[in-house]
């Protein structure tokens, strides 16, 4: 099952959430022009409203809050960086 279908299932199961944070699939990681380096893991944030996706990498073992407020701010920062 494609990751986008799993995202849809997750949003249906979590109707109060506007953002989803998850690790990237191997297929998604293959699309990076330069993959995350050693010791880093690829993640993505999906926005419910339009299914827009932002990609990022953090150090393996690092923790991350997945509250909508924090995800919204980080999503917008990633999106703004893309435009710069």
Protein backbone atom coordinates (compact mmCIF):
# COMPACT_ATOMS: atom_id res chain seq x y z
CA UNK A 1 0.00 0.00 0.00
CA UNK A 2 1.42 3.42 -0.93
CA UNK A 3 2.32 5.73 1.94
CA UNK A 4 -0.24 8.32 0.82
CA UNK A 5 -3.00 5.73 1.29
CA UNK A 6 -1.71 4.98 4.78
CA UNK A 7 -1.69 8.73 5.49
CA UNK A 8 -5.36 8.92 4.44
CA UNK A 9 -6.22 6.04 6.77
CA UNK A 10 -4.34 7.75 9.60
CA UNK A 11 -6.20 11.05 9.06
CA UNK A 12 -9.56 9.25 9.02
CA UNK A 13 -8.63 7.54 12.30
CA UNK A 14 -7.44 10.86 13.78
CA UNK A 15 -10.06 13.40 12.62
CA UNK A 16 -8.91 16.00 15.14
CA UNK A 17 -5.40 16.19 13.68
CA UNK A 18 -4.27 18.59 10.95
CA UNK A 19 -0.70 17.28 10.56
CA UNK A 20 0.91 13.86 10.56
CA UNK A 21 4.56 13.17 11.38
CA UNK A 22 6.08 9.89 10.18
CA UNK A 23 9.32 8.33 9.02
CA UNK A 24 9.79 8.26 5.29
CA UNK A 25 9.45 5.04 3.40
CA UNK A 26 12.46 3.66 1.48
CA UNK A 27 10.76 4.70 -1.79
CA UNK A 28 10.42 8.28 -0.54
CA UNK A 29 14.04 8.36 0.60
CA UNK A 30 15.18 7.27 -2.87
CA UNK A 31 13.73 10.51 -4.29
CA UNK A 32 16.05 12.75 -2.26
CA UNK A 33 18.72 14.34 -4.49
CA UNK A 34 21.15 13.85 -1.59
CA UNK A 35 19.94 11.27 0.95
CA UNK A 36 20.20 11.92 4.70
CA UNK A 37 23.73 11.27 5.89
CA UNK A 38 24.95 8.58 8.24
CA UNK A 39 23.23 8.83 11.61
CA UNK A 40 20.20 10.71 10.24
CA UNK A 41 16.68 9.51 9.53
CA UNK A 42 14.32 10.91 6.92
CA UNK A 43 10.95 12.15 8.18
CA UNK A 44 8.00 13.94 6.67
CA UNK A 45 5.11 16.10 7.78
CA UNK A 46 1.82 15.73 5.91
CA UNK A 47 -0.79 18.50 6.04
CA UNK A 48 -4.39 17.24 6.05
CA UNK A 49 -5.88 20.21 4.18
CA UNK A 50 -4.10 19.59 0.86
CA UNK A 51 -1.88 16.54 1.52
CA UNK A 52 1.19 18.72 1.03
CA UNK A 53 4.36 17.02 2.26
CA UNK A 54 7.56 18.51 3.67
CA UNK A 55 10.67 16.37 4.07
CA UNK A 56 13.45 16.70 6.62
CA UNK A 57 16.04 14.63 8.43
CA UNK A 58 16.96 14.50 12.10
CA UNK A 59 19.59 12.59 14.01
CA UNK A 60 18.68 8.98 14.73
CA UNK A 61 17.27 8.61 18.21
CA UNK A 62 16.25 12.28 18.46
CA UNK A 63 12.78 12.85 19.82
CA UNK A 64 10.17 15.08 18.27
CA UNK A 65 6.81 16.40 19.45
CA UNK A 66 3.96 15.71 17.07
CA UNK A 67 1.43 18.23 18.33
CA UNK A 68 -0.38 20.09 15.57
CA UNK A 69 0.77 23.50 16.80
CA UNK A 70 4.47 22.55 16.62
CA UNK A 71 3.99 20.66 13.36
CA UNK A 72 2.25 23.65 11.78
CA UNK A 73 5.08 26.00 12.70
CA UNK A 74 7.79 23.60 11.52
CA UNK A 75 5.89 22.79 8.32
CA UNK A 76 5.64 26.50 7.52
CA UNK A 77 9.35 27.02 8.25
CA UNK A 78 10.25 24.18 5.88
CA UNK A 79 7.89 25.55 3.26
CA UNK A 80 9.35 29.08 3.61
CA UNK A 81 12.89 27.67 3.26
CA UNK A 82 11.85 26.00 0.02
CA UNK A 83 10.79 29.38 -1.41
CA UNK A 84 14.05 31.12 -0.43
